[in-house]
């Protein structure tokens, strides 16, 4: 291997593999933390709604109505937080970024293997990026099919019948 080849390999690893792996790891942590925050907020709201509902049974008159309305509002807020999490899909995004990070980490290990076929290793790394982009398309199709009032599969309607990339490449 020439000096130029070693320099290219080092540059590609640093600028393409390692930088993207760090990005994917940060996004996975961010969405994992967001999911945990949503769970805490939702559970807190539900607990507060339950407490307000119990208190509304212990008081009379206007206070009873106010506590009952408070319980209903807190329950509705918990539902809104849950709907927001479902809309954004924090767990799915965490998995998407974690999978891409792990695949790049594995490709990075093989990248440093002496005598590895450069073209094959570059294709492998680029496949990780194509795969990640493909997952975004699946998330969009899944979200669209969940809201399609006609009940049609948007992937069929758009003619998107591409096969998934082979994992043995």
N, C-alpha and C. Protein backbone atom coordinates (compact mmCIF):
# COMPACT_ATOMS: atom_id res chain seq x y z
N UNK A 1 0.85 -1.16 0.00
CA UNK A 1 0.00 0.00 0.00
C UNK A 1 0.90 1.24 0.00
N UNK A 2 0.59 2.17 -0.88
CA UNK A 2 1.41 3.37 -0.99
C UNK A 2 1.04 4.37 0.11
N UNK A 3 1.88 5.38 0.24
CA UNK A 3 1.62 6.42 1.22
C UNK A 3 0.32 7.15 0.89
N UNK A 4 0.10 7.38 -0.39
CA UNK A 4 -1.12 8.06 -0.82
C UNK A 4 -2.36 7.23 -0.47
N UNK A 5 -2.28 5.93 -0.65
CA UNK A 5 -3.40 5.06 -0.29
C UNK A 5 -3.67 5.13 1.21
N UNK A 6 -2.62 5.09 2.01
CA UNK A 6 -2.79 5.17 3.46
C UNK A 6 -3.39 6.53 3.86
N UNK A 7 -2.95 7.59 3.21
CA UNK A 7 -3.50 8.91 3.51
C UNK A 7 -4.98 8.98 3.15
N UNK A 8 -5.34 8.42 1.99
CA UNK A 8 -6.74 8.41 1.59
C UNK A 8 -7.57 7.63 2.60
N UNK A 9 -7.09 6.44 2.97
CA UNK A 9 -7.81 5.60 3.93
C UNK A 9 -8.01 6.35 5.26
N UNK A 10 -6.97 7.02 5.74
CA UNK A 10 -7.06 7.75 7.01
C UNK A 10 -8.04 8.92 6.89
N UNK A 11 -7.96 9.64 5.78
CA UNK A 11 -8.86 10.77 5.58
C UNK A 11 -10.32 10.30 5.47
N UNK A 12 -10.57 9.27 4.68
CA UNK A 12 -11.92 8.75 4.50
C UNK A 12 -12.47 8.25 5.84
N UNK A 13 -11.63 7.56 6.58
CA UNK A 13 -12.08 7.05 7.88
C UNK A 13 -12.46 8.21 8.81
N UNK A 14 -11.60 9.21 8.89
CA UNK A 14 -11.85 10.33 9.79
C UNK A 14 -13.02 11.18 9.34
N UNK A 15 -13.06 11.54 8.06
CA UNK A 15 -14.06 12.49 7.57
C UNK A 15 -15.40 11.84 7.20
N UNK A 16 -15.40 10.58 6.87
CA UNK A 16 -16.64 9.95 6.43
C UNK A 16 -17.18 8.97 7.47
N UNK A 17 -16.34 8.08 7.94
CA UNK A 17 -16.82 7.04 8.85
C UNK A 17 -16.95 7.58 10.27
N UNK A 18 -15.86 8.10 10.81
CA UNK A 18 -15.87 8.51 12.21
C UNK A 18 -16.79 9.70 12.46
N UNK A 19 -16.77 10.70 11.59
CA UNK A 19 -17.64 11.86 11.78
C UNK A 19 -19.12 11.46 11.75
N UNK A 20 -19.49 10.62 10.81
CA UNK A 20 -20.89 10.20 10.73
C UNK A 20 -21.27 9.31 11.91
N UNK A 21 -20.35 8.47 12.34
CA UNK A 21 -20.63 7.61 13.49
C UNK A 21 -20.88 8.45 14.74
N UNK A 22 -20.08 9.48 14.93
CA UNK A 22 -20.27 10.38 16.07
C UNK A 22 -21.62 11.10 15.95
N UNK A 23 -21.97 11.53 14.74
CA UNK A 23 -23.26 12.19 14.52
C UNK A 23 -24.41 11.25 14.87
N UNK A 24 -24.35 10.02 14.36
CA UNK A 24 -25.42 9.05 14.62
C UNK A 24 -25.52 8.75 16.11
N UNK A 25 -24.40 8.61 16.80
CA UNK A 25 -24.41 8.34 18.24
C UNK A 25 -25.07 9.49 19.00
N UNK A 26 -24.75 10.72 18.61
CA UNK A 26 -25.33 11.89 19.28
C UNK A 26 -26.84 11.95 19.05
N UNK A 27 -27.28 11.68 17.83
CA UNK A 27 -28.72 11.70 17.55
C UNK A 27 -29.45 10.59 18.31
N UNK A 28 -28.84 9.42 18.39
CA UNK A 28 -29.46 8.31 19.13
C UNK A 28 -29.62 8.68 20.60
N UNK A 29 -28.57 9.28 21.19
CA UNK A 29 -28.66 9.73 22.59
C UNK A 29 -29.74 10.79 22.76
N UNK A 30 -29.79 11.72 21.81
CA UNK A 30 -30.77 12.81 21.88
C UNK A 30 -32.20 12.26 21.86
N UNK A 31 -32.50 11.35 20.96
CA UNK A 31 -33.86 10.81 20.87
C UNK A 31 -34.17 9.86 22.02
N UNK A 32 -33.17 9.15 22.53
CA UNK A 32 -33.39 8.30 23.71
C UNK A 32 -33.76 9.18 24.90
N UNK A 33 -33.03 10.28 25.08
CA UNK A 33 -33.31 11.21 26.18
C UNK A 33 -34.69 11.85 25.99
N UNK A 34 -35.05 12.20 24.76
CA UNK A 34 -36.36 12.79 24.51
C UNK A 34 -37.47 11.81 24.86
N UNK A 35 -37.29 10.54 24.51
CA UNK A 35 -38.29 9.53 24.84
C UNK A 35 -38.43 9.40 26.36
N UNK A 36 -37.32 9.38 27.07
CA UNK A 36 -37.37 9.28 28.52
C UNK A 36 -38.05 10.50 29.14
N UNK A 37 -37.81 11.68 28.58
CA UNK A 37 -38.47 12.88 29.08
C UNK A 37 -39.97 12.83 28.85
N UNK A 38 -40.37 12.35 27.67
CA UNK A 38 -41.80 12.25 27.36
C UNK A 38 -42.47 11.28 28.33
N UNK A 39 -41.83 10.17 28.61
CA UNK A 39 -42.40 9.19 29.54
C UNK A 39 -42.56 9.81 30.93
N UNK A 40 -41.55 10.54 31.39
CA UNK A 40 -41.64 11.18 32.71
C UNK A 40 -42.76 12.23 32.75
N UNK A 41 -42.83 13.06 31.73
CA UNK A 41 -43.87 14.11 31.69
C UNK A 41 -45.25 13.47 31.63
N UNK A 42 -45.42 12.48 30.75
CA UNK A 42 -46.72 11.82 30.61
C UNK A 42 -47.13 11.17 31.93
N UNK A 43 -46.22 10.44 32.56
CA UNK A 43 -46.56 9.78 33.82
C UNK A 43 -46.85 10.79 34.92
N UNK A 44 -46.11 11.89 34.95
CA UNK A 44 -46.38 12.95 35.92
C UNK A 44 -47.76 13.56 35.73
N UNK A 45 -48.11 13.81 34.48
CA UNK A 45 -49.43 14.36 34.19
C UNK A 45 -50.55 13.38 34.57
N UNK A 46 -50.34 12.11 34.26
CA UNK A 46 -51.35 11.11 34.62
C UNK A 46 -51.50 10.97 36.13
N UNK A 47 -50.38 11.02 36.84
CA UNK A 47 -50.45 10.94 38.30
C UNK A 47 -51.15 12.18 38.88
N UNK A 48 -50.84 13.33 38.34
CA UNK A 48 -51.50 14.55 38.80
C UNK A 48 -53.00 14.50 38.48
N UNK A 49 -53.35 13.96 37.32
CA UNK A 49 -54.77 13.82 36.97
C UNK A 49 -55.47 12.88 37.94
N UNK A 50 -54.79 11.81 38.31
CA UNK A 50 -55.39 10.86 39.26
C UNK A 50 -55.58 11.51 40.62
N UNK A 51 -54.59 12.25 41.08
CA UNK A 51 -54.70 12.94 42.37
C UNK A 51 -55.83 13.96 42.32
N UNK A 52 -55.91 14.71 41.24
CA UNK A 52 -56.99 15.70 41.11
C UNK A 52 -58.35 15.01 41.09
N UNK A 53 -58.44 13.85 40.44
CA UNK A 53 -59.71 13.10 40.42
C UNK A 53 -60.10 12.61 41.80
N UNK A 54 -59.13 12.15 42.58
CA UNK A 54 -59.42 11.69 43.95
C UNK A 54 -59.84 12.87 44.82
N UNK A 55 -59.11 13.98 44.70
CA UNK A 55 -59.45 15.16 45.50
C UNK A 55 -60.84 15.67 45.13
N UNK A 56 -61.21 15.59 43.86
CA UNK A 56 -62.53 16.08 43.46
C UNK A 56 -63.65 15.28 44.12
N UNK A 57 -63.36 14.05 44.51
CA UNK A 57 -64.38 13.24 45.20
C UNK A 57 -64.48 13.58 46.68
N UNK A 58 -63.46 14.23 47.20
CA UNK A 58 -63.42 14.54 48.64
C UNK A 58 -63.96 15.93 48.97
N UNK A 59 -64.17 16.76 47.96
CA UNK A 59 -64.66 18.12 48.22
C UNK A 59 -66.05 18.29 47.60
N UNK A 60 -66.68 19.40 47.92
CA UNK A 60 -68.05 19.64 47.45
C UNK A 60 -68.16 20.99 46.76
N UNK A 61 -69.20 21.14 45.99
CA UNK A 61 -69.52 22.42 45.38
C UNK A 61 -68.61 22.80 44.22
N UNK A 62 -68.28 24.08 44.19
CA UNK A 62 -67.46 24.61 43.12
C UNK A 62 -66.06 24.00 43.11
N UNK A 63 -65.51 23.73 44.27
CA UNK A 63 -64.18 23.12 44.35
C UNK A 63 -64.17 21.75 43.69
N UNK A 64 -65.27 21.00 43.86
CA UNK A 64 -65.36 19.67 43.24
C UNK A 64 -65.30 19.79 41.71
N UNK A 65 -66.04 20.73 41.18
CA UNK A 65 -66.04 20.93 39.72
C UNK A 65 -64.67 21.38 39.23
N UNK A 66 -64.02 22.26 39.98
CA UNK A 66 -62.70 22.76 39.58
C UNK A 66 -61.67 21.63 39.58
N UNK A 67 -61.69 20.79 40.63
CA UNK A 67 -60.75 19.66 40.68
C UNK A 67 -61.04 18.66 39.56
N UNK A 68 -62.31 18.43 39.27
CA UNK A 68 -62.66 17.49 38.19
C UNK A 68 -62.22 18.03 36.84
N UNK A 69 -62.40 19.32 36.62
CA UNK A 69 -61.94 19.93 35.37
C UNK A 69 -60.41 19.86 35.28
N UNK A 70 -59.75 20.12 36.40
CA UNK A 70 -58.29 20.00 36.43
C UNK A 70 -57.83 18.60 36.09
N UNK A 71 -58.52 17.59 36.62
CA UNK A 71 -58.17 16.20 36.31
C UNK A 71 -58.36 15.91 34.83
N UNK A 72 -59.44 16.40 34.26
CA UNK A 72 -59.70 16.18 32.84
C UNK A 72 -58.65 16.87 31.97
N UNK A 73 -58.29 18.09 32.33
CA UNK A 73 -57.29 18.84 31.56
C UNK A 73 -55.92 18.14 31.65
N UNK A 74 -55.55 17.70 32.83
CA UNK A 74 -54.27 17.00 32.99
C UNK A 74 -54.25 15.68 32.20
N UNK A 75 -55.36 14.97 32.21
CA UNK A 75 -55.46 13.74 31.42
C UNK A 75 -55.36 14.03 29.92
N UNK A 76 -56.00 15.12 29.49
CA UNK A 76 -55.91 15.50 28.08
C UNK A 76 -54.49 15.90 27.70
N UNK A 77 -53.80 16.61 28.58
CA UNK A 77 -52.41 16.97 28.32
C UNK A 77 -51.53 15.73 28.22
N UNK A 78 -51.77 14.74 29.07
CA UNK A 78 -51.02 13.49 28.99
C UNK A 78 -51.28 12.81 27.65
N UNK A 79 -52.51 12.84 27.19
CA UNK A 79 -52.83 12.28 25.87
C UNK A 79 -52.14 13.04 24.74
N UNK A 80 -52.07 14.36 24.87
CA UNK A 80 -51.40 15.17 23.84
C UNK A 80 -49.91 14.87 23.81
N UNK A 81 -49.29 14.71 24.97
CA UNK A 81 -47.86 14.38 25.03
C UNK A 81 -47.61 13.02 24.39
N UNK A 82 -48.49 12.06 24.68
CA UNK A 82 -48.37 10.73 24.10
C UNK A 82 -48.54 10.78 22.58
N UNK A 83 -49.50 11.57 22.11
CA UNK A 83 -49.70 11.71 20.66
C UNK A 83 -48.49 12.36 20.00
N UNK A 84 -47.91 13.35 20.65
CA UNK A 84 -46.71 14.00 20.12
C UNK A 84 -45.58 13.00 19.98
N UNK A 85 -45.39 12.17 21.01
CA UNK A 85 -44.33 11.17 20.94
C UNK A 85 -44.59 10.18 19.81
N UNK A 86 -45.83 9.79 19.64
CA UNK A 86 -46.17 8.86 18.55
C UNK A 86 -45.93 9.51 17.19
N UNK A 87 -46.24 10.77 17.09
CA UNK A 87 -46.06 11.50 15.83
C UNK A 87 -44.57 11.59 15.48
N UNK A 88 -43.75 11.97 16.42
CA UNK A 88 -42.32 12.12 16.18
C UNK A 88 -41.66 10.75 16.08
N UNK A 89 -42.06 9.80 16.89
CA UNK A 89 -41.50 8.46 16.84
C UNK A 89 -40.11 8.36 17.45
N UNK A 90 -39.95 8.86 18.67
CA UNK A 90 -38.63 8.84 19.31
C UNK A 90 -37.99 7.45 19.36
N UNK A 91 -38.72 6.39 19.75
CA UNK A 91 -38.07 5.07 19.79
C UNK A 91 -37.60 4.60 18.40
N UNK A 92 -38.39 4.86 17.37
CA UNK A 92 -37.99 4.45 16.02
C UNK A 92 -36.75 5.22 15.56
N UNK A 93 -36.71 6.51 15.86
CA UNK A 93 -35.56 7.32 15.48
C UNK A 93 -34.31 6.89 16.25
N UNK A 94 -34.49 6.56 17.52
CA UNK A 94 -33.36 6.05 18.31
C UNK A 94 -32.80 4.79 17.67
N UNK A 95 -33.68 3.88 17.29
CA UNK A 95 -33.23 2.63 16.68
C UNK A 95 -32.56 2.88 15.34
N UNK A 96 -33.13 3.77 14.54
CA UNK A 96 -32.56 4.10 13.23
C UNK A 96 -31.12 4.60 13.38
N UNK A 97 -30.92 5.56 14.25
CA UNK A 97 -29.58 6.12 14.43
C UNK A 97 -28.63 5.14 15.12
N UNK A 98 -29.12 4.37 16.07
CA UNK A 98 -28.27 3.38 16.74
C UNK A 98 -27.81 2.30 15.76
N UNK A 99 -28.71 1.84 14.92
CA UNK A 99 -28.34 0.82 13.92
C UNK A 99 -27.28 1.36 12.96
N UNK A 100 -27.47 2.59 12.49
CA UNK A 100 -26.50 3.18 11.57
C UNK A 100 -25.14 3.34 12.27
N UNK A 101 -25.16 3.75 13.52
CA UNK A 101 -23.90 3.90 14.27
C UNK A 101 -23.19 2.56 14.40
N UNK A 102 -23.92 1.53 14.78
CA UNK A 102 -23.30 0.20 14.92
C UNK A 102 -22.76 -0.32 13.60
N UNK A 103 -23.51 -0.11 12.52
CA UNK A 103 -23.04 -0.57 11.21
C UNK A 103 -21.77 0.16 10.78
N UNK A 104 -21.71 1.45 11.06
CA UNK A 104 -20.49 2.20 10.72
C UNK A 104 -19.32 1.79 11.61
N UNK A 105 -19.60 1.50 12.86
CA UNK A 105 -18.54 1.04 13.76
C UNK A 105 -17.97 -0.28 13.25
N UNK A 106 -18.84 -1.17 12.85
CA UNK A 106 -18.38 -2.46 12.30
C UNK A 106 -17.59 -2.26 11.00
N UNK A 107 -18.10 -1.38 10.13
CA UNK A 107 -17.39 -1.09 8.89
C UNK A 107 -16.03 -0.45 9.17
N UNK A 108 -15.96 0.38 10.21
CA UNK A 108 -14.70 1.02 10.58
C UNK A 108 -13.66 0.02 11.07
N UNK A 109 -14.13 -1.01 11.76
CA UNK A 109 -13.20 -2.05 12.21
C UNK A 109 -12.61 -2.77 11.01
N UNK A 110 -13.48 -3.14 10.06
CA UNK A 110 -13.00 -3.84 8.87
C UNK A 110 -12.20 -2.92 7.95
N UNK A 111 -12.44 -1.62 8.03
CA UNK A 111 -11.74 -0.64 7.19
C UNK A 111 -10.23 -0.70 7.45
N UNK A 112 -9.87 -0.91 8.70
CA UNK A 112 -8.46 -0.92 9.08
C UNK A 112 -7.77 -2.26 8.83
N UNK A 113 -8.50 -3.23 8.37
CA UNK A 113 -7.94 -4.55 8.12
C UNK A 113 -6.93 -4.47 6.97
N UNK A 114 -5.73 -4.96 7.17
CA UNK A 114 -4.73 -4.88 6.10
C UNK A 114 -5.14 -5.74 4.90
N UNK A 115 -4.90 -5.22 3.72
CA UNK A 115 -5.20 -5.94 2.48
C UNK A 115 -6.65 -5.95 2.09
N UNK A 116 -7.50 -5.17 2.78
CA UNK A 116 -8.92 -5.14 2.44
C UNK A 116 -9.11 -4.45 1.09
N UNK A 117 -10.08 -4.94 0.33
CA UNK A 117 -10.40 -4.37 -0.97
C UNK A 117 -11.03 -3.00 -0.77
N UNK A 118 -10.36 -1.95 -1.23
CA UNK A 118 -10.80 -0.58 -0.99
C UNK A 118 -12.19 -0.33 -1.57
N UNK A 119 -12.41 -0.72 -2.81
CA UNK A 119 -13.70 -0.47 -3.45
C UNK A 119 -14.83 -1.16 -2.69
N UNK A 120 -14.58 -2.37 -2.25
CA UNK A 120 -15.61 -3.12 -1.52
C UNK A 120 -15.90 -2.46 -0.18
N UNK A 121 -14.87 -2.01 0.51
CA UNK A 121 -15.06 -1.36 1.81
C UNK A 121 -15.78 -0.02 1.67
N UNK A 122 -15.45 0.75 0.63
CA UNK A 122 -16.16 2.01 0.39
C UNK A 122 -17.63 1.73 0.10
N UNK A 123 -17.90 0.73 -0.71
CA UNK A 123 -19.28 0.36 -1.02
C UNK A 123 -20.03 -0.04 0.24
N UNK A 124 -19.35 -0.75 1.12
CA UNK A 124 -19.98 -1.16 2.37
C UNK A 124 -20.35 0.05 3.22
N UNK A 125 -19.45 1.01 3.34
CA UNK A 125 -19.72 2.21 4.12
C UNK A 125 -20.86 3.00 3.49
N UNK A 126 -20.82 3.17 2.18
CA UNK A 126 -21.87 3.93 1.51
C UNK A 126 -23.21 3.20 1.59
N UNK A 127 -23.19 1.87 1.66
CA UNK A 127 -24.43 1.12 1.82
C UNK A 127 -25.09 1.46 3.15
N UNK A 128 -24.29 1.67 4.20
CA UNK A 128 -24.85 2.05 5.49
C UNK A 128 -25.62 3.36 5.35
N UNK A 129 -25.06 4.31 4.62
CA UNK A 129 -25.75 5.60 4.44
C UNK A 129 -27.02 5.44 3.60
N UNK A 130 -26.93 4.64 2.54
CA UNK A 130 -28.13 4.41 1.71
C UNK A 130 -29.21 3.70 2.52
N UNK A 131 -28.79 2.77 3.34
CA UNK A 131 -29.74 2.03 4.17
C UNK A 131 -30.44 2.96 5.15
N UNK A 132 -29.67 3.86 5.76
CA UNK A 132 -30.25 4.82 6.70
C UNK A 132 -31.25 5.72 5.99
N UNK A 133 -30.92 6.20 4.81
CA UNK A 133 -31.85 7.04 4.05
C UNK A 133 -33.09 6.24 3.66
N UNK A 134 -32.91 4.98 3.32
CA UNK A 134 -34.04 4.13 2.98
C UNK A 134 -34.99 3.95 4.15
N UNK A 135 -34.45 3.89 5.35
CA UNK A 135 -35.29 3.76 6.54
C UNK A 135 -36.16 5.00 6.72
N UNK A 136 -35.63 6.17 6.38
CA UNK A 136 -36.44 7.38 6.46
C UNK A 136 -37.64 7.27 5.54
N UNK A 137 -37.42 6.74 4.35
CA UNK A 137 -38.53 6.56 3.43
C UNK A 137 -39.57 5.62 3.98
N UNK A 138 -39.14 4.55 4.65
CA UNK A 138 -40.08 3.62 5.24
C UNK A 138 -40.86 4.27 6.37
N UNK A 139 -40.20 5.11 7.17
CA UNK A 139 -40.91 5.80 8.24
C UNK A 139 -41.98 6.73 7.68
N UNK A 140 -41.67 7.41 6.58
CA UNK A 140 -42.64 8.31 5.96
C UNK A 140 -43.81 7.52 5.40
N UNK A 141 -43.53 6.42 4.72
CA UNK A 141 -44.59 5.60 4.16
C UNK A 141 -45.47 5.03 5.26
N UNK A 142 -44.84 4.56 6.34
CA UNK A 142 -45.59 4.01 7.47
C UNK A 142 -46.50 5.08 8.08
N UNK A 143 -45.99 6.29 8.25
CA UNK A 143 -46.79 7.37 8.82
C UNK A 143 -47.91 7.76 7.88
N UNK A 144 -47.65 7.80 6.60
CA UNK A 144 -48.68 8.17 5.64
C UNK A 144 -49.76 7.11 5.57
N UNK A 145 -49.40 5.83 5.64
CA UNK A 145 -50.41 4.78 5.55
C UNK A 145 -51.28 4.76 6.79
N UNK A 146 -50.73 5.19 7.91
CA UNK A 146 -51.53 5.24 9.13
C UNK A 146 -52.58 6.34 9.07
N UNK A 147 -52.35 7.36 8.26
CA UNK A 147 -53.29 8.48 8.18
C UNK A 147 -54.05 8.54 6.87
N UNK A 148 -53.83 7.58 5.96
CA UNK A 148 -54.49 7.60 4.66
C UNK A 148 -55.95 7.21 4.82
N UNK A 149 -56.90 8.13 4.57
CA UNK A 149 -58.31 7.82 4.78
C UNK A 149 -58.84 6.79 3.78
N UNK A 150 -58.23 6.67 2.62
CA UNK A 150 -58.72 5.72 1.62
C UNK A 150 -58.27 4.30 1.93
N UNK A 151 -57.31 4.13 2.85
CA UNK A 151 -56.84 2.81 3.20
C UNK A 151 -55.87 2.22 2.20
N UNK A 152 -55.40 3.04 1.26
CA UNK A 152 -54.46 2.55 0.26
C UNK A 152 -53.05 2.61 0.82
N UNK A 153 -52.21 1.71 0.35
CA UNK A 153 -50.80 1.72 0.74
C UNK A 153 -50.08 2.74 -0.12
N UNK A 154 -49.55 3.82 0.46
CA UNK A 154 -48.88 4.85 -0.33
C UNK A 154 -47.70 4.32 -1.12
N UNK A 155 -47.04 3.27 -0.64
CA UNK A 155 -45.91 2.72 -1.38
C UNK A 155 -46.38 2.11 -2.70
N UNK A 156 -47.56 1.45 -2.67
CA UNK A 156 -48.10 0.89 -3.90
C UNK A 156 -48.55 1.99 -4.85
N UNK A 157 -49.16 3.01 -4.30
CA UNK A 157 -49.66 4.10 -5.13
C UNK A 157 -48.53 4.86 -5.81
N UNK A 158 -47.40 4.98 -5.13
CA UNK A 158 -46.27 5.73 -5.69
C UNK A 158 -45.39 4.86 -6.58
N UNK A 159 -45.67 3.56 -6.60
CA UNK A 159 -44.88 2.66 -7.43
C UNK A 159 -43.53 2.35 -6.83
N UNK A 160 -43.41 2.44 -5.52
CA UNK A 160 -42.13 2.19 -4.86
C UNK A 160 -42.06 0.72 -4.47
N UNK A 161 -41.57 -0.08 -5.39
CA UNK A 161 -41.45 -1.50 -5.09
C UNK A 161 -40.01 -1.95 -5.21
N UNK A 162 -39.08 -1.07 -4.82
CA UNK A 162 -37.67 -1.42 -4.87
C UNK A 162 -37.38 -2.47 -3.82
N UNK A 163 -36.45 -3.34 -4.16
CA UNK A 163 -36.04 -4.35 -3.19
C UNK A 163 -35.07 -3.73 -2.20
N UNK A 164 -35.07 -4.29 -1.00
CA UNK A 164 -34.14 -3.83 0.01
C UNK A 164 -32.72 -4.21 -0.38
N UNK A 165 -31.72 -3.41 -0.02
CA UNK A 165 -30.35 -3.75 -0.34
C UNK A 165 -29.93 -5.03 0.35
N UNK A 166 -29.10 -5.78 -0.32
CA UNK A 166 -28.65 -7.05 0.24
C UNK A 166 -27.65 -6.79 1.35
N UNK A 167 -27.75 -7.53 2.43
CA UNK A 167 -26.88 -7.33 3.58
C UNK A 167 -25.49 -7.95 3.36
N UNK A 168 -25.35 -8.82 2.34
CA UNK A 168 -24.07 -9.50 2.14
C UNK A 168 -23.11 -8.71 1.27
N UNK A 169 -23.42 -7.48 0.96
CA UNK A 169 -22.53 -6.66 0.14
C UNK A 169 -21.49 -5.99 0.97
